[in-house]
Amino acid sequence: MIAQALALATGSAPFAFLLSSGNGSLSQAVRAGERWVVRRFNDTAHLADDLSRVGVPLT
């Protein structure tokens, strides 16, 4: 559903955003009058770097 909303907002192909977003990423589309603007896509800045490490023991 997020991919569909972003595709509609940008006028792109229906599946343009489907395979590009990562788990836990943020995407934001805002409406400005009659126009939609994608402010961010696949934003992972809010995630800690150590979440992507494999084999790190829990503390």
Protein backbone atom coordinates (compact mmCIF):
# COMPACT_ATOMS: atom_id res chain seq x y z
CA MET A 1 0.00 0.00 0.00
CA ILE A 2 2.89 2.41 0.71
CA ALA A 3 4.45 1.67 -2.67
CA GLN A 4 1.12 2.34 -4.36
CA ALA A 5 0.68 5.69 -2.58
CA LEU A 6 4.20 6.83 -3.51
CA ALA A 7 3.73 5.74 -7.12
CA LEU A 8 0.50 7.74 -7.32
CA ALA A 9 2.14 10.76 -5.68
CA THR A 10 5.01 10.80 -8.17
CA GLY A 11 3.14 9.64 -11.24
CA SER A 12 5.53 6.71 -11.66
CA ALA A 13 4.87 3.10 -12.61
CA PRO A 14 2.69 1.18 -10.12
CA PHE A 15 5.55 -0.99 -8.84
CA ALA A 16 8.37 1.59 -8.93
CA PHE A 17 8.71 1.74 -5.14
CA LEU A 18 7.83 -1.86 -4.32
CA LEU A 19 11.27 -3.50 -4.21
CA SER A 20 13.31 -0.52 -3.05
CA SER A 21 12.26 0.08 0.55
CA GLY A 22 13.93 -1.65 3.49
CA ASN A 23 12.37 -3.06 6.63
CA GLY A 24 11.82 -0.36 9.23
CA SER A 25 12.40 2.47 6.76
CA LEU A 26 10.24 5.58 6.67
CA SER A 27 8.61 7.11 3.63
CA GLN A 28 6.66 10.36 3.69
CA ALA A 29 4.35 11.92 1.15
CA VAL A 30 2.60 15.23 1.84
CA ARG A 31 -0.15 16.98 0.00
CA ALA A 32 0.41 20.62 -0.94
CA GLY A 33 -2.82 21.85 -2.46
CA GLU A 34 -3.58 19.61 -5.42
CA ARG A 35 -0.01 18.32 -5.60
CA TRP A 36 1.64 15.43 -3.75
CA VAL A 37 5.31 15.61 -2.79
CA VAL A 38 7.48 12.71 -1.60
CA ARG A 39 9.57 14.16 1.23
CA ARG A 40 11.52 11.02 2.07
CA PHE A 41 11.75 7.46 0.85
CA ASN A 42 13.50 4.47 2.39
CA ASP A 43 14.84 6.67 5.22
CA THR A 44 16.67 4.58 7.85
CA ALA A 45 18.39 7.42 9.74
CA HIS A 46 16.29 6.63 12.82
CA LEU A 47 17.73 3.10 13.07
CA ALA A 48 20.86 2.41 15.07
CA ASP A 49 23.85 1.22 13.05
CA ASP A 50 24.32 -1.83 15.25
CA LEU A 51 20.92 -3.25 14.24
CA SER A 52 22.41 -4.46 10.97
CA ARG A 53 25.24 -6.46 12.53
CA VAL A 54 25.05 -10.22 12.55
CA GLY A 55 26.20 -12.23 15.53
CA VAL A 56 26.34 -9.40 18.06
CA PRO A 57 25.41 -10.79 21.51
CA LEU A 58 22.47 -9.26 23.32
CA THR A 59 23.34 -7.22 26.40
